[in-house]
PDB file of N, CA and C in Angstrom:
ATOM      1  N   MET A   1     -50.536 -33.463  39.244  1.00  0.00           N
ATOM      2  CA  MET A   1     -49.278 -33.261  38.480  1.00  0.00           C
ATOM      3  C   MET A   1     -48.631 -32.042  38.837  1.00  0.00           C
ATOM      4  N   ASN A   2     -48.934 -31.288  39.840  1.00  0.00           N
ATOM      5  CA  ASN A   2     -48.564 -30.379  40.298  1.00  0.00           C
ATOM      6  C   ASN A   2     -46.775 -30.702  40.662  1.00  0.00           C
ATOM      7  N   SER A   3     -46.663 -31.379  41.206  1.00  0.00           N
ATOM      8  CA  SER A   3     -45.372 -32.110  41.768  1.00  0.00           C
ATOM      9  C   SER A   3     -44.471 -32.327  40.203  1.00  0.00           C
ATOM     10  N   TYR A   4     -45.074 -32.985  39.038  1.00  0.00           N
ATOM     11  CA  TYR A   4     -44.864 -33.353  37.831  1.00  0.00           C
ATOM     12  C   TYR A   4     -43.680 -31.742  37.373  1.00  0.00           C
ATOM     13  N   ASN A   5     -44.822 -30.539  37.109  1.00  0.00           N
ATOM     14  CA  ASN A   5     -44.728 -29.438  36.846  1.00  0.00           C
ATOM     15  C   ASN A   5     -42.932 -28.644  37.394  1.00  0.00           C
ATOM     16  N   GLU A   6     -43.192 -29.495  38.867  1.00  0.00           N
ATOM     17  CA  GLU A   6     -42.218 -28.151  39.709  1.00  0.00           C
ATOM     18  C   GLU A   6     -41.401 -29.660  39.932  1.00  0.00           C
ATOM     19  N   GLN A   7     -41.549 -30.199  39.155  1.00  0.00           N
ATOM     20  CA  GLN A   7     -40.093 -31.300  38.920  1.00  0.00           C
ATOM     21  C   GLN A   7     -39.393 -30.588  37.350  1.00  0.00           C
ATOM     22  N   ARG A   8     -40.088 -30.678  37.005  1.00  0.00           N
ATOM     23  CA  ARG A   8     -39.942 -29.654  35.196  1.00  0.00           C
ATOM     24  C   ARG A   8     -39.333 -28.546  35.952  1.00  0.00           C
ATOM     25  N   ARG A   9     -39.849 -27.991  35.985  1.00  0.00           N
ATOM     26  CA  ARG A   9     -39.274 -26.045  36.581  1.00  0.00           C
ATOM     27  C   ARG A   9     -37.934 -26.501  37.127  1.00  0.00           C
ATOM     28  N   ILE A  10     -37.091 -27.156  38.317  1.00  0.00           N
ATOM     29  CA  ILE A  10     -35.838 -27.774  38.664  1.00  0.00           C
ATOM     30  C   ILE A  10     -35.063 -27.921  38.010  1.00  0.00           C
ATOM     31  N   VAL A  11     -35.702 -29.241  36.613  1.00  0.00           N
ATOM     32  CA  VAL A  11     -34.403 -29.945  36.248  1.00  0.00           C
ATOM     33  C   VAL A  11     -33.904 -28.648  35.278  1.00  0.00           C
ATOM     34  N   ALA A  12     -35.016 -27.294  34.723  1.00  0.00           N
ATOM     35  CA  ALA A  12     -34.688 -26.635  33.482  1.00  0.00           C
ATOM     36  C   ALA A  12     -33.971 -25.471  33.983  1.00  0.00           C
ATOM     37  N   TYR A  13     -34.069 -25.450  35.275  1.00  0.00           N
ATOM     38  CA  TYR A  13     -32.995 -24.475  36.147  1.00  0.00           C
ATOM     39  C   TYR A  13     -31.283 -24.953  36.340  1.00  0.00           C
ATOM     40  N   LEU A  14     -32.055 -26.513  36.367  1.00  0.00           N
ATOM     41  CA  LEU A  14     -29.850 -26.839  37.105  1.00  0.00           C
ATOM     42  C   LEU A  14     -29.630 -27.173  35.605  1.00  0.00           C
ATOM     43  N   ASP A  15     -30.852 -27.682  34.647  1.00  0.00           N
ATOM     44  CA  ASP A  15     -29.974 -27.373  33.402  1.00  0.00           C
ATOM     45  C   ASP A  15     -29.278 -26.286  32.866  1.00  0.00           C
ATOM     46  N   SER A  16     -29.926 -24.723  32.768  1.00  0.00           N
ATOM     47  CA  SER A  16     -29.393 -23.818  33.115  1.00  0.00           C
ATOM     48  C   SER A  16     -28.127 -23.564  33.387  1.00  0.00           C
ATOM     49  N   VAL A  17     -27.861 -23.640  34.640  1.00  0.00           N
ATOM     50  CA  VAL A  17     -27.370 -23.858  35.470  1.00  0.00           C
ATOM     51  C   VAL A  17     -25.608 -24.199  35.156  1.00  0.00           C
ATOM     52  N   GLN A  18     -26.139 -25.579  34.607  1.00  0.00           N
ATOM     53  CA  GLN A  18     -24.524 -26.058  34.250  1.00  0.00           C
ATOM     54  C   GLN A  18     -24.403 -26.152  32.460  1.00  0.00           C
ATOM     55  N   ALA A  19     -25.109 -25.759  32.418  1.00  0.00           N
ATOM     56  CA  ALA A  19     -24.753 -24.470  30.961  1.00  0.00           C
ATOM     57  C   ALA A  19     -23.836 -23.638  30.883  1.00  0.00           C
ATOM     58  N   ARG A  20     -23.891 -22.840  32.301  1.00  0.00           N
ATOM     59  CA  ARG A  20     -23.277 -21.945  32.964  1.00  0.00           C
ATOM     60  C   ARG A  20     -22.461 -22.004  33.601  1.00  0.00           C
ATOM     61  N   LEU A  21     -22.112 -22.787  34.025  1.00  0.00           N
ATOM     62  CA  LEU A  21     -20.633 -23.395  34.490  1.00  0.00           C
ATOM     63  C   LEU A  21     -19.960 -24.241  33.237  1.00  0.00           C
ATOM     64  N   ALA A  22     -20.220 -24.953  32.523  1.00  0.00           N
ATOM     65  CA  ALA A  22     -19.819 -25.174  31.398  1.00  0.00           C
ATOM     66  C   ALA A  22     -19.066 -23.892  30.841  1.00  0.00           C
ATOM     67  N   SER A  23     -19.769 -22.935  30.216  1.00  0.00           N
ATOM     68  CA  SER A  23     -19.539 -21.834  29.566  1.00  0.00           C
ATOM     69  C   SER A  23     -17.984 -21.110  30.958  1.00  0.00           C
ATOM     70  N   LEU A  24     -18.034 -21.264  31.765  1.00  0.00           N
ATOM     71  CA  LEU A  24     -17.060 -20.328  32.374  1.00  0.00           C
ATOM     72  C   LEU A  24     -16.309 -21.002  33.032  1.00  0.00           C
ATOM     73  N   ARG A  25     -16.360 -22.369  32.904  1.00  0.00           N
ATOM     74  CA  ARG A  25     -15.203 -23.242  33.043  1.00  0.00           C
ATOM     75  C   ARG A  25     -14.063 -22.851  31.418  1.00  0.00           C
ATOM     76  N   GLU A  26     -15.412 -22.864  29.972  1.00  0.00           N
ATOM     77  CA  GLU A  26     -14.178 -22.792  29.079  1.00  0.00           C
ATOM     78  C   GLU A  26     -13.675 -21.726  28.623  1.00  0.00           C
ATOM     79  N   LEU A  27     -14.116 -20.186  29.813  1.00  0.00           N
ATOM     80  CA  LEU A  27     -13.500 -19.058  29.803  1.00  0.00           C
ATOM     81  C   LEU A  27     -12.627 -19.091  31.127  1.00  0.00           C
ATOM     82  N   GLN A  28     -12.391 -19.753  31.699  1.00  0.00           N
ATOM     83  CA  GLN A  28     -11.416 -20.303  32.764  1.00  0.00           C
ATOM     84  C   GLN A  28      -9.588 -21.037  32.092  1.00  0.00           C
ATOM     85  N   SER A  29     -10.222 -21.165  31.406  1.00  0.00           N
ATOM     86  CA  SER A  29      -9.527 -22.187  31.054  1.00  0.00           C
ATOM     87  C   SER A  29      -8.396 -21.533  29.186  1.00  0.00           C
ATOM     88  N   ALA A  30      -9.653 -20.407  29.239  1.00  0.00           N
ATOM     89  CA  ALA A  30      -8.373 -19.614  28.553  1.00  0.00           C
ATOM     90  C   ALA A  30      -8.324 -19.180  28.171  1.00  0.00           C
ATOM     91  N   THR A  31      -8.852 -18.124  30.027  1.00  0.00           N
ATOM     92  CA  THR A  31      -7.626 -17.150  30.360  1.00  0.00           C
ATOM     93  C   THR A  31      -6.038 -17.791  30.985  1.00  0.00           C
ATOM     94  N   GLY A  32      -6.352 -18.831  31.649  1.00  0.00           N
ATOM     95  CA  GLY A  32      -5.350 -19.351  31.978  1.00  0.00           C
ATOM     96  C   GLY A  32      -3.953 -19.919  30.959  1.00  0.00           C
ATOM     97  N   GLU A  33      -4.698 -20.090  29.104  1.00  0.00           N
ATOM     98  CA  GLU A  33      -3.548 -20.280  28.399  1.00  0.00           C
ATOM     99  C   GLU A  33      -3.308 -18.674  28.352  1.00  0.00           C
ATOM    100  N   GLU A  34      -3.802 -17.761  28.545  1.00  0.00           N
ATOM    101  CA  GLU A  34      -3.603 -16.110  28.216  1.00  0.00           C
ATOM    102  C   GLU A  34      -2.273 -16.236  28.889  1.00  0.00           C
ATOM    103  N   LEU A  35      -2.637 -16.250  30.279  1.00  0.00           N
ATOM    104  CA  LEU A  35      -1.526 -15.980  31.349  1.00  0.00           C
ATOM    105  C   LEU A  35      -0.387 -16.807  31.575  1.00  0.00           C
ATOM    106  N   SER A  36      -0.583 -18.169  30.594  1.00  0.00           N
ATOM    107  CA  SER A  36       0.789 -18.934  30.916  1.00  0.00           C
ATOM    108  C   SER A  36       1.378 -18.203  29.751  1.00  0.00           C
ATOM    109  N   ALA A  37       0.992 -17.280  28.331  1.00  0.00           N
ATOM    110  CA  ALA A  37       1.537 -17.473  27.414  1.00  0.00           C
ATOM    111  C   ALA A  37       2.303 -15.968  28.042  1.00  0.00           C
ATOM    112  N   LEU A  38       1.529 -15.140  28.363  1.00  0.00           N
ATOM    113  CA  LEU A  38       1.958 -13.976  28.704  1.00  0.00           C
ATOM    114  C   LEU A  38       3.306 -14.071  30.038  1.00  0.00           C
ATOM    115  N   LEU A  39       3.119 -15.146  31.028  1.00  0.00           N
ATOM    116  CA  LEU A  39       4.440 -14.968  31.959  1.00  0.00           C
ATOM    117  C   LEU A  39       5.610 -14.900  31.805  1.00  0.00           C
ATOM    118  N   PRO A  40       6.339 -15.764  30.822  1.00  0.00           N
ATOM    119  CA  PRO A  40       7.565 -15.690  30.092  1.00  0.00           C
ATOM    120  C   PRO A  40       8.255 -14.015  29.564  1.00  0.00           C
ATOM    121  N   SER A  41       6.672 -13.370  29.253  1.00  0.00           N
ATOM    122  CA  SER A  41       7.552 -11.960  28.912  1.00  0.00           C
ATOM    123  C   SER A  41       7.102 -10.898  30.098  1.00  0.00           C
ATOM    124  N   VAL A  42       6.616 -11.106  30.926  1.00  0.00           N
ATOM    125  CA  VAL A  42       6.364 -10.068  32.393  1.00  0.00           C
ATOM    126  C   VAL A  42       7.349 -11.028  32.559  1.00  0.00           C
ATOM    127  N   LEU A  43       8.236 -12.022  33.342  1.00  0.00           N
ATOM    128  CA  LEU A  43       9.374 -12.169  33.622  1.00  0.00           C
ATOM    129  C   LEU A  43      10.561 -11.256  33.623  1.00  0.00           C
ATOM    130  N   ASP A  44      10.289 -11.805  31.648  1.00  0.00           N
ATOM    131  CA  ASP A  44      11.709 -10.806  31.634  1.00  0.00           C
ATOM    132  C   ASP A  44      11.443  -9.652  31.571  1.00  0.00           C
ATOM    133  N   LYS A  45      10.150  -8.500  31.708  1.00  0.00           N
ATOM    134  CA  LYS A  45      10.265  -7.253  31.618  1.00  0.00           C
ATOM    135  C   LYS A  45      10.912  -7.128  33.291  1.00  0.00           C
ATOM    136  N   ALA A  46      10.480  -7.623  34.430  1.00  0.00           N
ATOM    137  CA  ALA A  46      10.089  -7.622  35.722  1.00  0.00           C
ATOM    138  C   ALA A  46      12.657  -8.066  35.748  1.00  0.00           C
ATOM    139  N   PHE A  47      12.630  -9.066  34.813  1.00  0.00           N
ATOM    140  CA  PHE A  47      14.383  -8.687  35.374  1.00  0.00           C
ATOM    141  C   PHE A  47      15.269  -8.145  34.970  1.00  0.00           C
ATOM    142  N   LYS A  48      14.503  -7.771  34.102  1.00  0.00           N
ATOM    143  CA  LYS A  48      15.393  -7.051  32.921  1.00  0.00           C
ATOM    144  C   LYS A  48      14.920  -5.059  33.645  1.00  0.00           C
ATOM    145  N   GLY A  49      14.088  -4.995  34.702  1.00  0.00           N
ATOM    146  CA  GLY A  49      14.025  -4.002  35.716  1.00  0.00           C
ATOM    147  C   GLY A  49      12.179  -2.513  34.625  1.00  0.00           C
ATOM    148  N   GLU A  50      12.249  -3.370  34.174  1.00  0.00           N
ATOM    149  CA  GLU A  50      11.111  -2.746  32.797  1.00  0.00           C
ATOM    150  C   GLU A  50       9.816  -2.475  33.666  1.00  0.00           C
ATOM    151  N   LEU A  51       9.309  -3.241  34.405  1.00  0.00           N
ATOM    152  CA  LEU A  51       8.049  -3.361  34.747  1.00  0.00           C
ATOM    153  C   LEU A  51       8.285  -2.123  36.478  1.00  0.00           C
TER     154      LEU A  51
END
């Protein structure tokens, strides 16, 4: 049964890694959306020489 416990431990670890990865993907998506929203403003300031 030791092998079974080892397998369960590995599955639990992989599940936690998968959950963290999903969380990071959500953050990356939100950050990308924020950057896309800010880009026109930054470009406007750059062309006006305000940067």
